[in-house]
Amino acid sequence: VNFSGQHVGTMRLPYYSDSEPDRSESFQLIHCSVFKSWPVRDVKHSDGTNTVTFGIKNLTNSVQSRPIIASEEPFSDEFDASRIYAPIEQRRLFVKLAWTR
């Protein structure tokens, strides 16, 4: 079992307008995975190991609600991507299969 986490506290944000906050929200990133390995015996080739891993990234589903200002108008003067401070990818499940010699 592999479990990792990170707490990110509030941070100052670049000024955009008086209606936008000047500090970010805090958030937590937690990733978890479980793996199982077993040996593979091969008569013709060298022995190896099979591994299967199941996991979840961003377990708490921490995402920034409005990462890009005026994203619907990318060529306008209002467009601003400098205020991205948190993950923008939601929770993801994954499966990994590996074979090593």
N, C-alpha and C. Protein backbone atom coordinates (compact mmCIF):
# COMPACT_ATOMS: atom_id res chain seq x y z
N VAL A 1 0.85 -1.18 0.00
CA VAL A 1 0.00 0.00 0.00
C VAL A 1 0.89 1.24 0.00
N ASN A 2 0.57 2.18 -0.85
CA ASN A 2 1.31 3.43 -0.94
C ASN A 2 0.31 4.56 -0.71
N PHE A 3 0.59 5.41 0.25
CA PHE A 3 -0.31 6.50 0.61
C PHE A 3 0.53 7.76 0.74
N SER A 4 0.19 8.81 0.00
CA SER A 4 0.94 10.06 0.12
C SER A 4 -0.04 11.22 0.17
N GLY A 5 0.35 12.24 0.90
CA GLY A 5 -0.52 13.40 1.04
C GLY A 5 0.28 14.69 1.13
N GLN A 6 -0.40 15.77 0.83
CA GLN A 6 0.23 17.09 0.87
C GLN A 6 -0.84 18.10 1.24
N HIS A 7 -0.54 18.95 2.21
CA HIS A 7 -1.44 20.05 2.57
C HIS A 7 -0.82 21.33 2.02
N VAL A 8 -1.61 22.09 1.28
CA VAL A 8 -1.15 23.36 0.73
C VAL A 8 -1.99 24.45 1.38
N GLY A 9 -1.34 25.33 2.11
CA GLY A 9 -2.04 26.41 2.79
C GLY A 9 -2.39 27.55 1.85
N THR A 10 -2.96 28.59 2.41
CA THR A 10 -3.34 29.75 1.59
C THR A 10 -2.08 30.45 1.08
N MET A 11 -2.22 31.11 -0.06
CA MET A 11 -1.10 31.86 -0.63
C MET A 11 -1.62 33.12 -1.30
N ARG A 12 -0.76 34.10 -1.44
CA ARG A 12 -1.16 35.35 -2.08
C ARG A 12 -1.32 35.13 -3.57
N LEU A 13 -2.31 35.79 -4.14
CA LEU A 13 -2.59 35.70 -5.57
C LEU A 13 -2.32 37.03 -6.25
N PRO A 14 -1.98 37.02 -7.53
CA PRO A 14 -1.80 38.28 -8.25
C PRO A 14 -3.11 39.07 -8.29
N TYR A 15 -2.99 40.38 -8.24
CA TYR A 15 -4.18 41.23 -8.26
C TYR A 15 -4.85 41.14 -9.62
N TYR A 16 -6.18 40.99 -9.60
CA TYR A 16 -6.96 41.01 -10.84
C TYR A 16 -8.01 42.10 -10.77
N SER A 17 -8.83 42.06 -9.73
CA SER A 17 -9.84 43.10 -9.52
C SER A 17 -10.26 43.04 -8.05
N ASP A 18 -10.98 44.07 -7.63
CA ASP A 18 -11.43 44.09 -6.24
C ASP A 18 -12.45 42.99 -5.94
N SER A 19 -13.11 42.46 -6.97
CA SER A 19 -14.11 41.41 -6.74
C SER A 19 -13.49 40.02 -6.61
N GLU A 20 -12.21 39.88 -6.94
CA GLU A 20 -11.53 38.59 -6.83
C GLU A 20 -10.75 38.54 -5.52
N PRO A 21 -10.68 37.38 -4.87
CA PRO A 21 -9.93 37.29 -3.60
C PRO A 21 -8.43 37.49 -3.81
N ASP A 22 -7.76 38.00 -2.77
CA ASP A 22 -6.31 38.21 -2.88
C ASP A 22 -5.52 37.04 -2.31
N ARG A 23 -6.22 36.05 -1.72
CA ARG A 23 -5.57 34.85 -1.19
C ARG A 23 -6.30 33.61 -1.68
N SER A 24 -5.55 32.54 -1.87
CA SER A 24 -6.14 31.28 -2.31
C SER A 24 -6.74 30.53 -1.13
N GLU A 25 -7.52 29.51 -1.43
CA GLU A 25 -8.03 28.61 -0.40
C GLU A 25 -6.98 27.53 -0.15
N SER A 26 -6.96 26.97 1.04
CA SER A 26 -6.07 25.84 1.29
C SER A 26 -6.71 24.57 0.74
N PHE A 27 -5.90 23.57 0.46
CA PHE A 27 -6.43 22.31 -0.05
C PHE A 27 -5.47 21.18 0.29
N GLN A 28 -5.97 19.95 0.18
CA GLN A 28 -5.18 18.76 0.44
C GLN A 28 -5.15 17.89 -0.82
N LEU A 29 -3.99 17.35 -1.10
CA LEU A 29 -3.83 16.38 -2.18
C LEU A 29 -3.47 15.04 -1.55
N ILE A 30 -4.26 14.02 -1.83
CA ILE A 30 -4.00 12.69 -1.29
C ILE A 30 -4.06 11.69 -2.44
N HIS A 31 -3.05 10.84 -2.51
CA HIS A 31 -2.98 9.79 -3.52
C HIS A 31 -2.82 8.46 -2.79
N CYS A 32 -3.45 7.42 -3.31
CA CYS A 32 -3.39 6.10 -2.69
C CYS A 32 -3.30 5.04 -3.77
N SER A 33 -2.47 4.02 -3.54
CA SER A 33 -2.41 2.91 -4.48
C SER A 33 -2.11 1.62 -3.73
N VAL A 34 -2.57 0.52 -4.31
CA VAL A 34 -2.37 -0.81 -3.76
C VAL A 34 -1.80 -1.66 -4.89
N PHE A 35 -0.77 -2.43 -4.59
CA PHE A 35 -0.21 -3.27 -5.65
C PHE A 35 0.00 -4.70 -5.17
N LYS A 36 0.03 -5.60 -6.12
CA LYS A 36 0.28 -7.02 -5.86
C LYS A 36 1.26 -7.51 -6.92
N SER A 37 2.34 -8.17 -6.47
CA SER A 37 3.34 -8.72 -7.38
C SER A 37 3.42 -10.23 -7.19
N TRP A 38 3.73 -10.95 -8.27
CA TRP A 38 3.94 -12.38 -8.18
C TRP A 38 4.98 -12.79 -9.22
N PRO A 39 5.77 -13.81 -8.90
CA PRO A 39 6.83 -14.24 -9.82
C PRO A 39 6.26 -15.00 -11.02
N VAL A 40 6.96 -14.89 -12.13
CA VAL A 40 6.60 -15.61 -13.35
C VAL A 40 7.79 -16.48 -13.72
N ARG A 41 7.55 -17.77 -13.87
CA ARG A 41 8.61 -18.70 -14.25
C ARG A 41 8.50 -18.97 -15.74
N ASP A 42 9.56 -18.70 -16.47
CA ASP A 42 9.58 -18.90 -17.91
C ASP A 42 10.76 -19.81 -18.26
N VAL A 43 10.49 -20.92 -18.90
CA VAL A 43 11.54 -21.89 -19.22
C VAL A 43 12.50 -21.34 -20.26
N LYS A 44 11.99 -20.68 -21.30
CA LYS A 44 12.83 -20.21 -22.41
C LYS A 44 13.58 -18.92 -22.10
N HIS A 45 12.98 -18.07 -21.29
CA HIS A 45 13.57 -16.76 -20.99
C HIS A 45 13.85 -16.67 -19.49
N SER A 46 14.41 -15.57 -19.09
CA SER A 46 14.68 -15.39 -17.66
C SER A 46 13.38 -15.17 -16.90
N ASP A 47 13.43 -15.43 -15.63
CA ASP A 47 12.25 -15.24 -14.78
C ASP A 47 11.90 -13.77 -14.68
N GLY A 48 10.66 -13.50 -14.37
CA GLY A 48 10.22 -12.11 -14.25
C GLY A 48 9.21 -11.96 -13.13
N THR A 49 8.63 -10.80 -13.06
CA THR A 49 7.63 -10.48 -12.04
C THR A 49 6.48 -9.73 -12.69
N ASN A 50 5.28 -10.16 -12.40
CA ASN A 50 4.08 -9.42 -12.80
C ASN A 50 3.64 -8.55 -11.64
N THR A 51 3.20 -7.36 -11.93
CA THR A 51 2.67 -6.46 -10.90
C THR A 51 1.42 -5.80 -11.43
N VAL A 52 0.39 -5.78 -10.60
CA VAL A 52 -0.83 -5.04 -10.92
C VAL A 52 -1.03 -4.01 -9.82
N THR A 53 -1.34 -2.79 -10.22
CA THR A 53 -1.52 -1.69 -9.27
C THR A 53 -2.87 -1.02 -9.52
N PHE A 54 -3.61 -0.78 -8.46
CA PHE A 54 -4.86 -0.03 -8.50
C PHE A 54 -4.65 1.22 -7.66
N GLY A 55 -5.15 2.36 -8.11
CA GLY A 55 -4.93 3.57 -7.33
C GLY A 55 -5.92 4.67 -7.62
N ILE A 56 -5.86 5.67 -6.75
CA ILE A 56 -6.69 6.87 -6.88
C ILE A 56 -5.77 8.07 -6.71
N LYS A 57 -5.84 9.00 -7.64
CA LYS A 57 -5.12 10.27 -7.52
C LYS A 57 -6.13 11.35 -7.18
N ASN A 58 -5.73 12.28 -6.34
CA ASN A 58 -6.58 13.37 -5.88
C ASN A 58 -7.82 12.80 -5.18
N LEU A 59 -7.58 11.99 -4.17
CA LEU A 59 -8.64 11.29 -3.44
C LEU A 59 -9.69 12.25 -2.89
N THR A 60 -9.29 13.43 -2.45
CA THR A 60 -10.23 14.40 -1.89
C THR A 60 -10.95 15.21 -2.96
N ASN A 61 -10.59 15.00 -4.22
CA ASN A 61 -11.20 15.70 -5.36
C ASN A 61 -11.07 17.23 -5.21
N SER A 62 -9.92 17.67 -4.75
CA SER A 62 -9.66 19.11 -4.60
C SER A 62 -9.37 19.72 -5.96
N VAL A 63 -10.24 20.60 -6.40
CA VAL A 63 -10.03 21.30 -7.66
C VAL A 63 -10.38 22.77 -7.47
N GLN A 64 -9.73 23.60 -8.24
CA GLN A 64 -10.01 25.03 -8.20
C GLN A 64 -11.28 25.30 -8.98
N SER A 65 -12.19 26.07 -8.41
CA SER A 65 -13.50 26.28 -9.03
C SER A 65 -13.43 27.13 -10.30
N ARG A 66 -12.58 28.13 -10.35
CA ARG A 66 -12.50 29.02 -11.52
C ARG A 66 -11.03 29.31 -11.81
N PRO A 67 -10.32 28.35 -12.40
CA PRO A 67 -8.87 28.53 -12.54
C PRO A 67 -8.46 29.59 -13.56
N ILE A 68 -9.21 29.74 -14.63
CA ILE A 68 -8.85 30.72 -15.67
C ILE A 68 -9.96 31.75 -15.78
N ILE A 69 -9.62 33.00 -15.58
CA ILE A 69 -10.60 34.08 -15.67
C ILE A 69 -10.86 34.38 -17.14
N ALA A 70 -12.12 34.50 -17.50
CA ALA A 70 -12.56 34.77 -18.87
C ALA A 70 -12.09 33.69 -19.84
N SER A 71 -12.16 32.44 -19.42
CA SER A 71 -11.70 31.33 -20.28
C SER A 71 -12.54 31.19 -21.54
N GLU A 72 -13.77 31.69 -21.49
CA GLU A 72 -14.64 31.61 -22.67
C GLU A 72 -14.24 32.63 -23.75
N GLU A 73 -13.37 33.60 -23.39
CA GLU A 73 -12.89 34.61 -24.34
C GLU A 73 -11.36 34.66 -24.28
N PRO A 74 -10.67 33.69 -24.87
CA PRO A 74 -9.22 33.59 -24.70
C PRO A 74 -8.40 34.72 -25.32
N PHE A 75 -8.99 35.50 -26.21
CA PHE A 75 -8.24 36.59 -26.85
C PHE A 75 -8.64 37.97 -26.31
N SER A 76 -9.43 38.00 -25.26
CA SER A 76 -9.85 39.28 -24.69
C SER A 76 -8.80 39.78 -23.69
N ASP A 77 -8.90 41.05 -23.32
CA ASP A 77 -7.99 41.62 -22.32
C ASP A 77 -8.27 41.09 -20.93
N GLU A 78 -9.45 40.52 -20.71
CA GLU A 78 -9.83 40.00 -19.39
C GLU A 78 -9.22 38.62 -19.11
N PHE A 79 -8.83 37.91 -20.15
CA PHE A 79 -8.30 36.55 -20.00
C PHE A 79 -7.09 36.56 -19.09
N ASP A 80 -7.09 35.65 -18.06
CA ASP A 80 -5.97 35.61 -17.12
C ASP A 80 -5.82 34.19 -16.57
N ALA A 81 -4.70 33.57 -16.88
CA ALA A 81 -4.42 32.22 -16.38
C ALA A 81 -3.37 32.24 -15.27
N SER A 82 -3.03 33.42 -14.77
CA SER A 82 -1.97 33.53 -13.76
C SER A 82 -2.46 33.24 -12.35
N ARG A 83 -3.73 32.97 -12.18
CA ARG A 83 -4.28 32.73 -10.84
C ARG A 83 -4.56 31.25 -10.59
N ILE A 84 -3.95 30.36 -11.33
CA ILE A 84 -4.12 28.92 -11.09
C ILE A 84 -3.22 28.54 -9.92
N TYR A 85 -3.81 28.06 -8.84
CA TYR A 85 -3.04 27.70 -7.65
C TYR A 85 -3.34 26.29 -7.16
N ALA A 86 -4.37 25.65 -7.67
CA ALA A 86 -4.78 24.34 -7.18
C ALA A 86 -4.91 23.38 -8.35
N PRO A 87 -5.08 22.10 -8.08
CA PRO A 87 -5.26 21.14 -9.17
C PRO A 87 -6.48 21.49 -10.02
N ILE A 88 -6.39 21.20 -11.30
CA ILE A 88 -7.54 21.40 -12.18
C ILE A 88 -8.07 20.07 -12.70
N GLU A 89 -7.37 18.98 -12.39
CA GLU A 89 -7.85 17.65 -12.76
C GLU A 89 -8.56 17.03 -11.57
N GLN A 90 -9.74 16.48 -11.82
CA GLN A 90 -10.52 15.87 -10.76
C GLN A 90 -9.94 14.51 -10.36
N ARG A 91 -10.61 13.87 -9.42
CA ARG A 91 -10.21 12.55 -8.95
C ARG A 91 -10.07 11.59 -10.13
N ARG A 92 -9.00 10.79 -10.11
CA ARG A 92 -8.76 9.83 -11.20
C ARG A 92 -8.45 8.46 -10.62
N LEU A 93 -9.09 7.45 -11.16
CA LEU A 93 -8.79 6.07 -10.83
C LEU A 93 -7.85 5.53 -11.90
N PHE A 94 -6.93 4.64 -11.51
CA PHE A 94 -6.04 4.07 -12.51
C PHE A 94 -5.72 2.62 -12.18
N VAL A 95 -5.37 1.89 -13.23
CA VAL A 95 -4.90 0.51 -13.13
C VAL A 95 -3.61 0.43 -13.93
N LYS A 96 -2.61 -0.19 -13.35
CA LYS A 96 -1.32 -0.32 -14.03
C LYS A 96 -0.91 -1.79 -14.01
N LEU A 97 -0.54 -2.30 -15.17
CA LEU A 97 -0.03 -3.66 -15.29
C LEU A 97 1.43 -3.58 -15.72
N ALA A 98 2.29 -4.32 -15.04
CA ALA A 98 3.72 -4.27 -15.37
C ALA A 98 4.33 -5.66 -15.30
N TRP A 99 5.28 -5.89 -16.19
CA TRP A 99 6.05 -7.12 -16.17
C TRP A 99 7.51 -6.74 -16.25
N THR A 100 8.31 -7.25 -15.34
CA THR A 100 9.74 -6.95 -15.34
C THR A 100 10.53 -8.25 -15.34
N ARG A 101 11.72 -8.19 -15.89
CA ARG A 101 12.62 -9.35 -15.90
C ARG A 101 13.61 -9.23 -14.80
